[in-house]
Amino acid sequence: MILRFLKISLLLSSFLLLTGFVPLPAVLGPAITAATSGNLVKATAQLVFDNEFKKKTGKSSLSYISEEVSKNNQENRINKDFKNLIKKRVEIVHQKLVDQNNEPKVIKDFKLLVEKRVELTHKKLIQQKINQ
């Protein structure tokens, strides 16, 4: 029994030393998966996937996913701020239109009268300049 334990210990320690000290989390994750589920194929697939993912992206799968989620949250926050700004502007313009439509008829008529007077005065001034 002790001899078997020594052989396993020697095999594991030589594996760690000869492979350049494989990062413990990279080996520990699949080891836990194999121990809990008893599925060695699943654990091996997980290890291979993590290694390939790290080769292609330069990051571990967990850090890559957390970075993407935070980037997505930031984009959502920017979109939400922009949406709130547009809503606020639309409400302001709507209120101005409502206020404009609620003006009494007298004020509207007075504005029209003033505009006509200004136009007539402008025409008279132009005619006076032409006559001089």
C-alpha atoms as a PDB file:
ATOM      1  CA  MET A   1       0.000   0.000   0.000  1.00  0.00           C
ATOM      2  CA  ILE A   2       2.797   2.401   0.930  1.00  0.00           C
ATOM      3  CA  LEU A   3       4.706   1.439  -2.200  1.00  0.00           C
ATOM      4  CA  ARG A   4       1.660   2.198  -4.357  1.00  0.00           C
ATOM      5  CA  PHE A   5       1.256   5.604  -2.666  1.00  0.00           C
ATOM      6  CA  LEU A   6       4.930   6.386  -3.315  1.00  0.00           C
ATOM      7  CA  LYS A   7       4.608   5.434  -6.987  1.00  0.00           C
ATOM      8  CA  ILE A   8       1.572   7.691  -7.427  1.00  0.00           C
ATOM      9  CA  SER A   9       3.293  10.535  -5.573  1.00  0.00           C
ATOM     10  CA  LEU A  10       6.437  10.144  -7.700  1.00  0.00           C
ATOM     11  CA  LEU A  11       4.375  10.071 -10.896  1.00  0.00           C
ATOM     12  CA  LEU A  12       2.419  13.207  -9.975  1.00  0.00           C
ATOM     13  CA  SER A  13       5.477  15.142  -8.781  1.00  0.00           C
ATOM     14  CA  SER A  14       7.451  14.197 -11.914  1.00  0.00           C
ATOM     15  CA  PHE A  15       4.485  15.276 -14.036  1.00  0.00           C
ATOM     16  CA  LEU A  16       4.441  18.692 -12.357  1.00  0.00           C
ATOM     17  CA  LEU A  17       8.217  19.148 -12.509  1.00  0.00           C
ATOM     18  CA  LEU A  18       8.696  17.949 -16.081  1.00  0.00           C
ATOM     19  CA  THR A  19       5.844  19.980 -17.574  1.00  0.00           C
ATOM     20  CA  GLY A  20       7.128  23.325 -16.326  1.00  0.00           C
ATOM     21  CA  PHE A  21       4.903  23.636 -13.274  1.00  0.00           C
ATOM     22  CA  VAL A  22       1.480  23.552 -14.872  1.00  0.00           C
ATOM     23  CA  PRO A  23      -0.716  26.162 -13.222  1.00  0.00           C
ATOM     24  CA  LEU A  24      -2.602  24.528 -10.408  1.00  0.00           C
ATOM     25  CA  PRO A  25      -6.083  25.918 -11.320  1.00  0.00           C
ATOM     26  CA  ALA A  26      -5.737  24.574 -14.862  1.00  0.00           C
ATOM     27  CA  VAL A  27      -5.225  21.070 -13.524  1.00  0.00           C
ATOM     28  CA  LEU A  28      -7.361  21.366 -10.417  1.00  0.00           C
ATOM     29  CA  GLY A  29     -10.602  22.207 -12.284  1.00  0.00           C
ATOM     30  CA  PRO A  30     -10.668  19.090 -14.451  1.00  0.00           C
ATOM     31  CA  ALA A  31      -9.438  16.981 -11.528  1.00  0.00           C
ATOM     32  CA  ILE A  32     -12.408  18.093  -9.437  1.00  0.00           C
ATOM     33  CA  THR A  33     -14.735  17.450 -12.374  1.00  0.00           C
ATOM     34  CA  ALA A  34     -13.353  13.944 -12.796  1.00  0.00           C
ATOM     35  CA  ALA A  35     -13.566  13.256  -9.063  1.00  0.00           C
ATOM     36  CA  THR A  36     -17.134  14.506  -8.593  1.00  0.00           C
ATOM     37  CA  SER A  37     -18.742  13.269 -11.797  1.00  0.00           C
ATOM     38  CA  GLY A  38     -16.537  10.273 -12.411  1.00  0.00           C
ATOM     39  CA  ASN A  39     -16.444  11.227 -16.078  1.00  0.00           C
ATOM     40  CA  LEU A  40     -12.836  11.327 -17.234  1.00  0.00           C
ATOM     41  CA  VAL A  41     -13.814  12.249 -20.817  1.00  0.00           C
ATOM     42  CA  LYS A  42     -15.648  15.342 -19.623  1.00  0.00           C
ATOM     43  CA  ALA A  43     -12.679  16.429 -17.508  1.00  0.00           C
ATOM     44  CA  THR A  44     -10.255  15.896 -20.389  1.00  0.00           C
ATOM     45  CA  ALA A  45     -12.482  17.839 -22.774  1.00  0.00           C
ATOM     46  CA  GLN A  46     -12.647  20.688 -20.273  1.00  0.00           C
ATOM     47  CA  LEU A  47      -8.857  20.793 -19.963  1.00  0.00           C
ATOM     48  CA  VAL A  48      -8.343  20.705 -23.744  1.00  0.00           C
ATOM     49  CA  PHE A  49     -10.964  23.405 -24.292  1.00  0.00           C
ATOM     50  CA  ASP A  50      -9.402  25.709 -21.683  1.00  0.00           C
ATOM     51  CA  ASN A  51      -5.929  25.261 -23.162  1.00  0.00           C
ATOM     52  CA  GLU A  52      -7.089  25.957 -26.737  1.00  0.00           C
ATOM     53  CA  PHE A  53      -9.107  28.936 -25.576  1.00  0.00           C
ATOM     54  CA  LYS A  54      -6.078  30.368 -23.810  1.00  0.00           C
ATOM     55  CA  LYS A  55      -3.903  29.849 -26.915  1.00  0.00           C
ATOM     56  CA  LYS A  56      -6.355  31.701 -29.160  1.00  0.00           C
ATOM     57  CA  THR A  57      -7.383  34.571 -26.878  1.00  0.00           C
ATOM     58  CA  GLY A  58      -4.450  34.802 -24.490  1.00  0.00           C
ATOM     59  CA  LYS A  59      -6.864  34.770 -21.559  1.00  0.00           C
ATOM     60  CA  SER A  60      -8.522  32.113 -19.503  1.00  0.00           C
ATOM     61  CA  SER A  61     -12.135  31.408 -20.320  1.00  0.00           C
ATOM     62  CA  LEU A  62     -13.353  32.850 -17.014  1.00  0.00           C
ATOM     63  CA  SER A  63     -11.475  36.152 -17.381  1.00  0.00           C
ATOM     64  CA  TYR A  64     -12.554  36.469 -21.026  1.00  0.00           C
ATOM     65  CA  ILE A  65     -16.216  35.938 -20.180  1.00  0.00           C
ATOM     66  CA  SER A  66     -16.106  38.355 -17.228  1.00  0.00           C
ATOM     67  CA  GLU A  67     -14.453  40.997 -19.448  1.00  0.00           C
ATOM     68  CA  GLU A  68     -17.106  40.578 -22.142  1.00  0.00           C
ATOM     69  CA  VAL A  69     -19.914  40.818 -19.585  1.00  0.00           C
ATOM     70  CA  SER A  70     -18.481  44.028 -18.102  1.00  0.00           C
ATOM     71  CA  LYS A  71     -18.039  45.497 -21.607  1.00  0.00           C
ATOM     72  CA  ASN A  72     -21.638  44.583 -22.436  1.00  0.00           C
ATOM     73  CA  ASN A  73     -22.852  46.166 -19.177  1.00  0.00           C
ATOM     74  CA  GLN A  74     -21.009  49.382 -20.020  1.00  0.00           C
ATOM     75  CA  GLU A  75     -22.586  49.483 -23.508  1.00  0.00           C
ATOM     76  CA  ASN A  76     -26.022  48.918 -21.961  1.00  0.00           C
ATOM     77  CA  ARG A  77     -25.414  51.761 -19.494  1.00  0.00           C
ATOM     78  CA  ILE A  78     -24.407  54.119 -22.335  1.00  0.00           C
ATOM     79  CA  ASN A  79     -27.470  53.100 -24.364  1.00  0.00           C
ATOM     80  CA  LYS A  80     -29.699  53.625 -21.317  1.00  0.00           C
ATOM     81  CA  ASP A  81     -28.240  57.113 -20.699  1.00  0.00           C
ATOM     82  CA  PHE A  82     -28.747  58.030 -24.363  1.00  0.00           C
ATOM     83  CA  LYS A  83     -32.325  56.729 -24.280  1.00  0.00           C
ATOM     84  CA  ASN A  84     -33.081  58.775 -21.140  1.00  0.00           C
ATOM     85  CA  LEU A  85     -31.612  61.898 -22.754  1.00  0.00           C
ATOM     86  CA  ILE A  86     -33.801  61.462 -25.838  1.00  0.00           C
ATOM     87  CA  LYS A  87     -36.908  60.896 -23.692  1.00  0.00           C
ATOM     88  CA  LYS A  88     -36.187  64.054 -21.722  1.00  0.00           C
ATOM     89  CA  ARG A  89     -35.735  66.119 -24.910  1.00  0.00           C
ATOM     90  CA  VAL A  90     -38.951  64.758 -26.422  1.00  0.00           C
ATOM     91  CA  GLU A  91     -40.861  65.626 -23.230  1.00  0.00           C
ATOM     92  CA  ILE A  92     -39.484  69.199 -23.282  1.00  0.00           C
ATOM     93  CA  VAL A  93     -40.461  69.707 -26.945  1.00  0.00           C
ATOM     94  CA  HIS A  94     -43.886  68.173 -26.323  1.00  0.00           C
ATOM     95  CA  GLN A  95     -44.480  70.516 -23.387  1.00  0.00           C
ATOM     96  CA  LYS A  96     -43.476  73.529 -25.493  1.00  0.00           C
ATOM     97  CA  LEU A  97     -45.905  72.491 -28.221  1.00  0.00           C
ATOM     98  CA  VAL A  98     -48.695  72.002 -25.717  1.00  0.00           C
ATOM     99  CA  ASP A  99     -47.999  75.416 -24.176  1.00  0.00           C
ATOM    100  CA  GLN A 100     -47.969  76.998 -27.625  1.00  0.00           C
ATOM    101  CA  ASN A 101     -51.309  75.430 -28.541  1.00  0.00           C
ATOM    102  CA  ASN A 102     -52.865  76.471 -25.239  1.00  0.00           C
ATOM    103  CA  GLU A 103     -52.189  80.186 -25.776  1.00  0.00           C
ATOM    104  CA  PRO A 104     -55.366  82.226 -25.799  1.00  0.00           C
ATOM    105  CA  LYS A 105     -56.812  83.123 -29.168  1.00  0.00           C
ATOM    106  CA  VAL A 106     -56.340  86.825 -28.430  1.00  0.00           C
ATOM    107  CA  ILE A 107     -52.581  86.436 -28.169  1.00  0.00           C
ATOM    108  CA  LYS A 108     -52.466  84.497 -31.435  1.00  0.00           C
ATOM    109  CA  ASP A 109     -54.560  87.134 -33.186  1.00  0.00           C
ATOM    110  CA  PHE A 110     -52.365  89.869 -31.742  1.00  0.00           C
ATOM    111  CA  LYS A 111     -49.260  88.146 -33.046  1.00  0.00           C
ATOM    112  CA  LEU A 112     -50.783  87.873 -36.518  1.00  0.00           C
ATOM    113  CA  LEU A 113     -51.725  91.559 -36.442  1.00  0.00           C
ATOM    114  CA  VAL A 114     -48.206  92.570 -35.410  1.00  0.00           C
ATOM    115  CA  GLU A 115     -46.700  90.420 -38.150  1.00  0.00           C
ATOM    116  CA  LYS A 116     -48.975  92.041 -40.767  1.00  0.00           C
ATOM    117  CA  ARG A 117     -48.054  95.545 -39.510  1.00  0.00           C
ATOM    118  CA  VAL A 118     -44.361  94.736 -39.654  1.00  0.00           C
ATOM    119  CA  GLU A 119     -44.754  93.429 -43.189  1.00  0.00           C
ATOM    120  CA  LEU A 120     -46.702  96.496 -44.316  1.00  0.00           C
ATOM    121  CA  THR A 121     -44.196  98.851 -42.686  1.00  0.00           C
ATOM    122  CA  HIS A 122     -41.362  97.010 -44.357  1.00  0.00           C
ATOM    123  CA  LYS A 123     -43.065  97.364 -47.762  1.00  0.00           C
ATOM    124  CA  LYS A 124     -43.618 101.093 -47.214  1.00  0.00           C
ATOM    125  CA  LEU A 125     -39.974 101.601 -46.274  1.00  0.00           C
ATOM    126  CA  ILE A 126     -38.845  99.782 -49.388  1.00  0.00           C
ATOM    127  CA  GLN A 127     -41.186 101.924 -51.535  1.00  0.00           C
ATOM    128  CA  GLN A 128     -39.829 105.115 -49.937  1.00  0.00           C
ATOM    129  CA  LYS A 129     -36.253 104.065 -50.719  1.00  0.00           C
ATOM    130  CA  ILE A 130     -37.224 103.351 -54.330  1.00  0.00           C
ATOM    131  CA  ASN A 131     -38.974 106.737 -54.681  1.00  0.00           C
ATOM    132  CA  GLN A 132     -35.979 108.660 -53.359  1.00  0.00           C
END
